Amino acid sequence: MSLTAGCVVQPPAPVVRTVVQPAHVAVAAPPVVSVYVDPPLYQPPPIAVAWAPPPMLVEVPPPPPFAGAVWTGGYWTWQGNWVWAAGRWSAPPQPGYGWVQPYYEYRDNVVVFVAGHWSPPGVAFVPPPLGLSLAVSVAAAGVVAGLAPIGPPGVFVPAPPGSRLGLIVPAPIGTPPAVVVSAPPVNNVGMRVQNTTINSVTNNTTINNITNVTNINNNSQTVKVVAPASATASGRPFEAAIPASAHLAAALPPVVRAMAPVPASAKPVAALPADRQPPPAARSAEALRPAVPGTPAAQQAAAARPPSQPQPTSAPLSHPAPQSRPEPLMSEAPARRPEPAAASPTPAQARAELPQRPKPPGDDARMAHEGRPPVAVHEGGEQRLQRPPRPVSAPAPAPRPHPPAPSHGHPEHPSAPHEHAAAPHKKEHGQ
């Protein structure tokens, strides 16, 4: 009893559980590639990218070099990777053309991107329609994919400089990405850009009881950037009116000075990568119409065609035409019939085979073309061709053999038979 009375029982000590919150691991940003972009003069087709663009960079624009200059660039564009499109002052390509800001949209776990471009007067920007099927653009060789977009679906701009990778900031269509340059960095979802407003100021001046009304319209189109305390890296809420002009927004003092590098080359690159270039324009119906053989268009097409390319035909051939010698033209003289060679000509035959007088060029061809065969006529021991008179109504009868001519009284000149037309025969040697 005494032993049990002096025993003190102490309760067990409470167990303290410590919950360790995982720290945010900062992902190192990849090296920045800066280029000058040659913007197109039309709205380019959209591109689908698998990861979000990096946070914005700081690029303070210089003063405008001339009146009417437009600040283009200063945004992330796609060239097989997100590269920085350096800003510069440019003149519109044609009067009335306006600059259209780049377009970013988070849709179906990808980023739908439309590069900045010039727009003709009266042509409004058309967002990519819903349900559009886009193939994800292929990254360049050696490019490591970034983080998927972190934020609500819809149109957005990249996060402020120094923000967490992958974060996006919802914004209206047409918002310049530079409006978030002066905003604080964010590491959580919550920052957004609200609709634009226009502020107008009117000044009235009264002098000597005469009221002169002077309207000074300071139309400064602005947007409002807001963020709760849970979204900013500093833990303080943010709200500010930012100019909607890209060069004015980029000129504001930034919170994090993440400066954009200067492009290594002054030669601009195309706004679209090589795998996303639009197809060539379709040829017109006039260009697709087959050319008629023998026309100047067909002759020009045949001259421009490579030698190895076959000649196009209007209808397919069932079998190739046989290779044969073309028929002689009507203007060609008929070939002479070969004469048998004499074994040993006599002196009389040698004198009879005197050199003949050359015929006028084209005489045989002209007579053959007119359908009147030449007639052999003997004059003074020489033989020449004479054209018979042109028939009037009926064609000339077929030539008939002529009886041997009587002897000329010269034993050295033997008579030879010959043929001629039905025309009157001219007597020789006075006969």
Protein backbone atom coordinates (compact mmCIF):
# COMPACT_ATOMS: atom_id res chain seq x y z
CA MET A 1 0.00 0.00 0.00
CA SER A 2 2.82 2.42 0.85
CA LEU A 3 4.63 1.61 -2.34
CA THR A 4 1.64 2.21 -4.53
CA ALA A 5 0.78 5.43 -2.72
CA GLY A 6 4.12 7.07 -3.57
CA CYS A 7 4.01 6.28 -7.36
CA VAL A 8 3.19 9.23 -9.71
CA VAL A 9 1.83 8.42 -13.20
CA GLN A 10 2.65 11.03 -15.90
CA PRO A 11 0.58 11.32 -19.14
CA PRO A 12 2.40 10.61 -22.45
CA ALA A 13 3.95 13.60 -24.24
CA PRO A 14 2.00 14.87 -27.29
CA VAL A 15 3.47 14.05 -30.69
CA VAL A 16 4.34 17.18 -32.73
CA ARG A 17 3.90 16.76 -36.48
CA THR A 18 5.76 19.17 -38.78
CA VAL A 19 4.38 19.65 -42.30
CA VAL A 20 7.03 20.76 -44.79
CA GLN A 21 5.70 22.71 -47.80
CA PRO A 22 7.51 21.90 -51.05
CA ALA A 23 9.47 24.88 -52.18
CA HIS A 24 8.94 26.28 -55.68
CA VAL A 25 11.75 25.11 -57.90
CA ALA A 26 12.84 27.85 -60.24
CA VAL A 27 13.37 26.55 -63.75
CA ALA A 28 16.25 28.21 -65.52
CA ALA A 29 15.13 30.06 -68.65
CA PRO A 30 16.76 28.90 -71.89
CA PRO A 31 19.10 31.30 -73.68
CA VAL A 32 17.26 33.97 -75.64
CA VAL A 33 17.56 34.16 -79.41
CA SER A 34 16.75 37.60 -80.82
CA VAL A 35 15.93 38.24 -84.49
CA TYR A 36 14.39 40.87 -86.71
CA VAL A 37 11.18 39.70 -88.35
CA ASP A 38 9.91 40.68 -91.78
CA PRO A 39 6.15 40.94 -91.12
CA PRO A 40 3.78 39.88 -93.91
CA LEU A 41 1.24 42.19 -95.52
CA TYR A 42 -1.66 39.89 -94.67
CA GLN A 43 -2.93 37.87 -91.73
CA PRO A 44 -0.74 34.76 -91.58
CA PRO A 45 -2.21 31.35 -90.77
CA PRO A 46 -2.28 30.27 -87.11
CA ILE A 47 0.35 28.00 -85.58
CA ALA A 48 -0.11 25.53 -82.72
CA VAL A 49 2.73 25.33 -80.16
CA ALA A 50 2.92 22.78 -77.36
CA TRP A 51 4.28 25.11 -74.64
CA ALA A 52 3.81 28.67 -73.44
CA PRO A 53 6.04 31.59 -74.45
CA PRO A 54 8.57 32.83 -71.84
CA PRO A 55 7.95 35.98 -69.77
CA MET A 56 8.32 39.33 -71.48
CA LEU A 57 11.66 41.11 -71.87
CA VAL A 58 12.53 44.78 -71.45
CA GLU A 59 13.24 46.71 -74.64
CA VAL A 60 13.12 50.52 -74.40
CA PRO A 61 12.29 51.98 -77.83
CA PRO A 62 14.19 55.06 -79.06
CA PRO A 63 12.33 58.20 -80.18
CA PRO A 64 10.45 57.88 -83.48
CA PRO A 65 12.82 58.69 -86.37
CA PHE A 66 10.10 60.25 -88.54
CA ALA A 67 6.43 61.16 -88.44
CA GLY A 68 4.10 58.24 -88.93
CA ALA A 69 6.62 55.60 -87.82
CA VAL A 70 5.11 52.49 -86.19
CA TRP A 71 6.82 50.48 -83.44
CA THR A 72 6.76 46.82 -84.48
CA GLY A 73 8.22 43.92 -82.57
CA GLY A 74 9.09 43.43 -78.95
CA TYR A 75 7.24 40.11 -78.59
CA TRP A 76 7.77 36.36 -78.66
CA THR A 77 7.41 34.70 -82.07
CA TRP A 78 7.73 31.10 -83.19
CA GLN A 79 10.68 29.95 -85.32
CA GLY A 80 10.95 26.30 -84.27
CA ASN A 81 11.27 27.75 -80.76
CA TRP A 82 10.07 30.87 -79.01
CA VAL A 83 12.49 33.58 -80.17
CA TRP A 84 12.41 37.29 -79.42
CA ALA A 85 11.18 39.51 -82.26
CA ALA A 86 13.18 42.69 -81.68
CA GLY A 87 11.27 45.93 -81.91
CA ARG A 88 12.04 48.66 -84.44
CA TRP A 89 10.43 51.69 -86.02
CA SER A 90 8.96 51.00 -89.45
CA ALA A 91 6.92 52.85 -92.02
CA PRO A 92 3.68 51.23 -93.20
CA PRO A 93 4.28 49.37 -96.45
CA GLN A 94 1.45 51.27 -98.15
CA PRO A 95 -0.71 54.23 -97.17
CA GLY A 96 -3.49 53.25 -94.80
CA TYR A 97 -1.93 50.00 -93.61
CA GLY A 98 -2.07 49.36 -89.86
CA TRP A 99 -0.04 47.19 -87.50
CA VAL A 100 -1.79 44.18 -85.94
CA GLN A 101 -0.36 42.87 -82.66
CA PRO A 102 0.54 39.18 -82.27
CA TYR A 103 -2.19 36.86 -81.12
CA TYR A 104 -1.86 34.24 -78.34
CA GLU A 105 -4.65 31.89 -77.29
CA TYR A 106 -4.64 28.96 -74.89
CA ARG A 107 -6.86 26.34 -76.52
CA ASP A 108 -6.99 22.54 -76.15
CA ASN A 109 -3.72 22.41 -74.16
CA VAL A 110 -1.76 24.19 -76.90
CA VAL A 111 -0.94 27.80 -77.76
CA VAL A 112 -2.60 29.08 -80.94
CA PHE A 113 -0.29 31.80 -82.26
CA VAL A 114 -0.68 34.35 -85.06
CA ALA A 115 2.38 36.48 -85.79
CA GLY A 116 2.25 40.27 -85.93
CA HIS A 117 1.54 41.61 -89.41
CA TRP A 118 0.41 44.56 -91.49
CA SER A 119 -3.25 44.85 -92.39
CA PRO A 120 -4.76 46.67 -95.40
CA PRO A 121 -7.19 49.51 -94.69
CA GLY A 122 -10.66 48.30 -93.80
CA VAL A 123 -9.55 44.72 -93.06
CA ALA A 124 -10.19 43.60 -89.48
CA PHE A 125 -8.39 40.82 -87.65
CA VAL A 126 -10.28 37.51 -87.63
CA PRO A 127 -9.44 35.15 -84.72
CA PRO A 128 -8.93 31.48 -85.58
CA PRO A 129 -12.37 29.83 -85.51
CA LEU A 130 -13.32 27.34 -82.85
CA GLY A 131 -13.02 23.74 -83.90
CA LEU A 132 -10.08 24.47 -86.19
CA SER A 133 -7.80 21.46 -86.40
CA LEU A 134 -4.13 22.42 -86.18
CA ALA A 135 -1.12 20.16 -86.16
CA VAL A 136 1.37 20.98 -83.42
CA SER A 137 4.40 22.70 -84.92
CA VAL A 138 7.62 20.71 -84.88
CA ALA A 139 10.38 22.12 -82.69
CA ALA A 140 13.80 22.80 -84.15
CA ALA A 141 16.65 20.37 -83.64
CA GLY A 142 18.10 20.51 -80.13
CA VAL A 143 15.25 22.58 -78.65
CA VAL A 144 14.01 21.46 -75.23
CA ALA A 145 10.25 21.83 -74.82
CA GLY A 146 9.07 24.24 -72.16
CA LEU A 147 6.17 24.12 -69.73
CA ALA A 148 2.57 23.86 -70.77
CA PRO A 149 0.46 27.03 -70.34
CA ILE A 150 -0.61 27.65 -66.74
CA GLY A 151 -3.81 29.68 -66.64
CA PRO A 152 -7.40 29.79 -67.89
CA PRO A 153 -8.18 29.09 -71.55
CA GLY A 154 -8.60 32.07 -73.84
CA VAL A 155 -6.64 34.95 -75.33
CA PHE A 156 -3.60 36.00 -73.29
CA VAL A 157 -0.27 37.82 -73.28
CA PRO A 158 2.98 36.52 -71.75
CA ALA A 159 3.68 37.16 -68.07
CA PRO A 160 5.73 40.18 -66.81
CA PRO A 161 9.55 39.98 -66.82
CA GLY A 162 10.95 37.73 -64.10
CA SER A 163 7.74 35.67 -63.72
CA ARG A 164 7.43 31.93 -63.35
CA LEU A 165 7.78 30.00 -66.58
CA GLY A 166 4.53 28.80 -68.15
CA LEU A 167 2.27 31.45 -66.62
CA ILE A 168 -0.05 33.38 -68.92
CA VAL A 169 -2.05 36.59 -68.38
CA PRO A 170 -5.58 36.75 -69.89
CA ALA A 171 -6.09 39.84 -72.08
CA PRO A 172 -8.49 41.17 -74.74
CA ILE A 173 -7.81 40.62 -78.44
CA GLY A 174 -5.36 43.17 -79.84
CA THR A 175 -3.56 43.86 -76.55
CA PRO A 176 0.16 44.64 -77.07
CA PRO A 177 2.30 42.22 -75.06
CA ALA A 178 4.38 45.14 -73.77
CA VAL A 179 1.57 46.29 -71.41
CA VAL A 180 2.86 43.89 -68.73
CA VAL A 181 6.50 45.06 -68.87
CA SER A 182 6.05 47.50 -65.97
CA ALA A 183 3.93 45.08 -63.89
CA PRO A 184 5.47 43.07 -61.01
CA PRO A 185 6.48 39.46 -61.66
CA VAL A 186 3.97 36.76 -60.79
CA ASN A 187 4.44 33.20 -59.63
CA ASN A 188 0.78 32.15 -59.46
CA VAL A 189 -2.30 32.45 -61.62
CA GLY A 190 -4.38 35.60 -61.07
CA MET A 191 -3.00 38.56 -63.08
CA ARG A 192 -5.21 39.76 -65.93
CA VAL A 193 -5.61 42.66 -68.38
CA GLN A 194 -8.99 44.38 -68.50
CA ASN A 195 -10.71 46.14 -71.39
CA THR A 196 -9.48 49.43 -72.77
CA THR A 197 -10.83 52.90 -71.97
CA ILE A 198 -10.49 56.32 -73.64
CA ASN A 199 -9.98 59.45 -71.56
CA SER A 200 -10.96 62.82 -73.10
CA VAL A 201 -10.16 66.21 -71.54
CA THR A 202 -11.90 69.44 -72.66
CA ASN A 203 -10.46 72.88 -71.75
CA ASN A 204 -12.65 76.03 -71.90
CA THR A 205 -10.96 79.45 -71.89
CA THR A 206 -12.79 82.85 -71.34
CA ILE A 207 -11.07 86.10 -72.47
CA ASN A 208 -12.73 89.61 -72.30
CA ASN A 209 -16.19 88.24 -71.82
CA ILE A 210 -15.75 86.24 -75.02
CA THR A 211 -15.82 82.54 -74.56
CA ASN A 212 -13.44 80.63 -76.78
CA VAL A 213 -14.08 76.94 -76.52
CA THR A 214 -10.93 74.93 -77.20
CA ASN A 215 -11.36 71.18 -77.19
CA ILE A 216 -8.11 69.40 -76.37
CA ASN A 217 -8.76 65.72 -76.69
CA ASN A 218 -6.02 63.77 -74.98
CA ASN A 219 -7.16 60.44 -76.28
CA SER A 220 -4.92 58.03 -74.46
CA GLN A 221 -6.17 54.51 -74.95
CA THR A 222 -5.22 52.54 -71.88
CA VAL A 223 -5.68 49.11 -70.40
CA LYS A 224 -5.86 48.13 -66.74
CA VAL A 225 -3.54 45.45 -65.39
CA VAL A 226 -4.69 43.96 -62.08
CA ALA A 227 -3.35 41.16 -59.90
CA PRO A 228 -4.29 39.91 -56.42
CA ALA A 229 -1.74 39.58 -53.65
CA SER A 230 -1.74 35.79 -54.04
CA ALA A 231 -0.48 36.08 -57.61
CA THR A 232 2.43 38.51 -57.30
CA ALA A 233 5.88 37.47 -56.17
CA SER A 234 5.98 40.35 -53.65
CA GLY A 235 2.69 39.34 -52.02
CA ARG A 236 1.12 42.76 -52.65
CA PRO A 237 -1.83 43.44 -54.93
CA PHE A 238 -1.24 45.42 -58.12
CA GLU A 239 -3.45 47.63 -60.26
CA ALA A 240 -2.35 50.21 -62.84
CA ALA A 241 -3.52 51.86 -66.07
CA ILE A 242 -1.03 51.13 -68.85
CA PRO A 243 -0.94 52.81 -72.29
CA ALA A 244 -2.24 50.50 -74.98
CA SER A 245 0.41 51.70 -77.46
CA ALA A 246 3.26 49.25 -77.63
CA HIS A 247 6.08 51.82 -77.66
CA LEU A 248 4.58 53.82 -74.76
CA ALA A 249 4.04 50.70 -72.64
CA ALA A 250 7.56 49.43 -73.34
CA ALA A 251 9.04 52.79 -72.29
CA LEU A 252 7.66 52.59 -68.71
CA PRO A 253 10.18 51.69 -65.96
CA PRO A 254 10.12 47.93 -65.35
CA VAL A 255 10.17 46.16 -61.98
CA VAL A 256 12.60 43.49 -63.19
CA ARG A 257 15.13 44.62 -65.77
CA ALA A 258 15.32 41.53 -67.95
CA MET A 259 16.84 43.25 -70.99
CA ALA A 260 16.26 41.85 -74.47
CA PRO A 261 19.43 41.08 -76.44
CA VAL A 262 20.22 42.80 -79.72
CA PRO A 263 19.84 40.55 -82.77
CA ALA A 264 23.12 39.16 -84.06
CA SER A 265 22.09 39.75 -87.68
CA ALA A 266 20.38 42.76 -89.22
CA LYS A 267 18.84 40.58 -91.94
CA PRO A 268 15.17 39.95 -91.10
CA VAL A 269 13.69 36.47 -91.10
CA ALA A 270 10.29 35.34 -92.37
CA ALA A 271 7.38 35.61 -89.97
CA LEU A 272 6.57 31.90 -90.38
CA PRO A 273 8.97 28.97 -90.10
CA ALA A 274 9.75 26.83 -93.12
CA ASP A 275 7.32 24.05 -92.14
CA ARG A 276 4.43 26.51 -91.78
CA GLN A 277 4.75 28.54 -94.98
CA PRO A 278 1.39 28.92 -96.78
CA PRO A 279 0.97 26.88 -99.98
CA PRO A 280 1.44 28.70 -103.31
CA ALA A 281 -1.56 30.43 -104.75
CA ALA A 282 -3.69 28.30 -107.06
CA ARG A 283 -3.29 28.95 -110.75
CA SER A 284 -6.15 30.57 -112.59
CA ALA A 285 -8.40 28.70 -114.99
CA GLU A 286 -6.79 30.51 -117.90
CA ALA A 287 -3.37 29.20 -116.87
CA LEU A 288 -4.70 25.66 -116.48
CA ARG A 289 -6.31 25.64 -119.95
CA PRO A 290 -4.26 23.51 -122.40
CA ALA A 291 -2.58 25.50 -125.12
CA VAL A 292 -3.48 24.82 -128.76
CA PRO A 293 -0.49 23.50 -130.73
CA GLY A 294 0.96 26.09 -133.05
CA THR A 295 -0.12 29.12 -130.99
CA PRO A 296 2.43 31.51 -129.45
CA ALA A 297 1.47 30.29 -125.95
CA ALA A 298 2.20 26.69 -126.91
CA GLN A 299 5.48 27.68 -128.53
CA GLN A 300 6.54 29.56 -125.38
CA ALA A 301 5.58 26.60 -123.18
CA ALA A 302 7.54 24.24 -125.41
CA ALA A 303 10.59 26.52 -125.26
CA ALA A 304 10.40 26.73 -121.44
CA ARG A 305 9.94 22.97 -120.99
CA PRO A 306 13.11 21.03 -120.07
CA PRO A 307 14.42 18.67 -122.75
CA SER A 308 13.67 15.63 -120.59
CA GLN A 309 10.02 16.61 -120.07
CA PRO A 310 7.67 15.04 -122.66
CA GLN A 311 5.50 17.15 -124.90
CA PRO A 312 1.91 17.35 -123.58
CA THR A 313 -0.79 16.16 -125.96
CA SER A 314 -4.46 16.93 -126.07
CA ALA A 315 -5.44 13.24 -126.33
CA PRO A 316 -3.52 10.10 -125.34
CA LEU A 317 -2.13 8.05 -128.18
CA SER A 318 -3.05 4.38 -128.45
CA HIS A 319 0.24 3.40 -130.07
CA PRO A 320 3.32 5.29 -131.16
CA ALA A 321 3.47 6.39 -134.78
CA PRO A 322 5.97 4.50 -136.94
CA GLN A 323 9.23 6.22 -137.63
CA SER A 324 9.14 6.92 -141.35
CA ARG A 325 10.58 9.48 -143.67
CA PRO A 326 8.22 12.44 -144.10
CA GLU A 327 6.56 12.86 -147.45
CA PRO A 328 8.27 15.38 -149.75
CA LEU A 329 6.64 18.75 -150.03
CA MET A 330 4.97 19.84 -153.27
CA SER A 331 7.67 22.38 -153.85
CA GLU A 332 10.37 19.70 -153.91
CA ALA A 333 11.60 18.62 -157.38
CA PRO A 334 11.05 14.95 -158.27
CA ALA A 335 14.09 12.79 -158.01
CA ARG A 336 15.74 11.82 -161.30
CA ARG A 337 15.45 8.23 -162.45
CA PRO A 338 18.87 6.59 -162.53
CA GLU A 339 20.11 5.86 -166.04
CA PRO A 340 22.01 2.71 -166.92
CA ALA A 341 25.69 3.29 -167.23
CA ALA A 342 27.17 2.75 -170.68
CA ALA A 343 30.10 0.45 -170.99
CA SER A 344 32.09 2.46 -173.51
CA PRO A 345 30.44 5.54 -175.06
CA THR A 346 31.00 6.13 -178.75
CA PRO A 347 32.35 9.48 -180.02
CA ALA A 348 28.86 10.39 -181.24
CA GLN A 349 27.35 9.68 -177.83
CA ALA A 350 30.14 11.61 -176.14
CA ARG A 351 29.34 14.67 -178.29
CA ALA A 352 25.63 14.20 -177.57
CA GLU A 353 26.25 14.20 -173.82
CA LEU A 354 27.35 17.79 -173.74
CA PRO A 355 27.07 19.75 -170.47
CA GLN A 356 23.55 21.04 -170.12
CA ARG A 357 22.68 24.61 -169.32
CA PRO A 358 21.82 25.04 -165.66
CA LYS A 359 18.13 25.35 -164.95
CA PRO A 360 16.75 28.44 -163.22
CA PRO A 361 16.38 27.86 -159.47
CA GLY A 362 12.88 26.90 -158.47
CA ASP A 363 11.64 26.40 -162.03
CA ASP A 364 10.90 22.69 -161.60
CA ALA A 365 9.42 23.28 -158.17
CA ARG A 366 7.18 26.08 -159.42
CA MET A 367 5.93 24.04 -162.36
CA ALA A 368 5.38 20.97 -160.16
CA HIS A 369 3.44 23.07 -157.69
CA GLU A 370 1.18 24.39 -160.45
CA GLY A 371 0.47 20.87 -161.73
CA ARG A 372 2.20 21.37 -165.12
CA PRO A 373 5.09 18.98 -165.68
CA PRO A 374 7.99 20.39 -167.64
CA VAL A 375 8.44 19.45 -171.31
CA ALA A 376 11.84 18.61 -172.78
CA VAL A 377 12.60 20.63 -175.91
CA HIS A 378 15.69 20.28 -178.13
CA GLU A 379 17.17 23.42 -179.57
CA GLY A 380 20.52 23.54 -181.30
CA GLY A 381 21.63 20.26 -179.88
CA GLU A 382 20.78 21.33 -176.33
CA GLN A 383 17.93 20.13 -174.19
CA ARG A 384 15.93 22.46 -171.94
CA LEU A 385 12.63 22.42 -170.04
CA GLN A 386 9.67 24.42 -171.26
CA ARG A 387 6.42 24.93 -169.38
CA PRO A 388 3.29 24.15 -171.46
CA PRO A 389 0.39 26.60 -171.39
CA ARG A 390 -1.88 26.54 -168.34
CA PRO A 391 -5.06 24.54 -168.94
CA VAL A 392 -8.29 26.55 -168.91
CA SER A 393 -11.12 24.22 -167.99
CA ALA A 394 -10.13 20.58 -168.19
CA PRO A 395 -6.84 19.16 -166.98
CA ALA A 396 -4.25 18.28 -169.59
CA PRO A 397 -4.49 14.75 -170.92
CA ALA A 398 -2.01 12.16 -169.87
CA PRO A 399 1.27 12.32 -171.78
CA ARG A 400 1.53 9.90 -174.68
CA PRO A 401 4.63 8.47 -176.28
CA HIS A 402 5.87 10.43 -179.27
CA PRO A 403 7.11 8.60 -182.34
CA PRO A 404 10.77 8.82 -183.03
CA ALA A 405 11.70 12.11 -184.60
CA PRO A 406 13.06 11.98 -188.13
CA SER A 407 16.73 12.11 -188.69
CA HIS A 408 18.26 15.56 -188.58
CA GLY A 409 20.56 14.73 -191.44
CA HIS A 410 23.47 14.44 -189.19
CA PRO A 411 24.89 10.99 -188.78
CA GLU A 412 26.62 12.06 -185.62
CA HIS A 413 23.33 12.91 -183.84
CA PRO A 414 21.18 9.81 -183.53
CA SER A 415 17.54 10.47 -182.81
CA ALA A 416 16.14 9.42 -179.44
CA PRO A 417 12.50 8.92 -178.45
CA HIS A 418 11.06 11.36 -175.90
CA GLU A 419 7.75 12.27 -174.32
CA HIS A 420 5.88 15.55 -174.08
CA ALA A 421 2.39 16.87 -173.38
CA ALA A 422 -0.41 17.32 -175.88
CA ALA A 423 0.75 20.87 -176.55
CA PRO A 424 1.99 21.60 -180.09
CA HIS A 425 5.49 20.26 -180.68
CA LYS A 426 8.04 22.74 -181.71
CA LYS A 427 9.93 21.63 -184.72
CA GLU A 428 13.63 21.51 -184.61
CA HIS A 429 16.17 22.32 -187.27
CA GLY A 430 13.57 23.76 -189.64
CA GLN A 431 11.32 20.73 -189.72
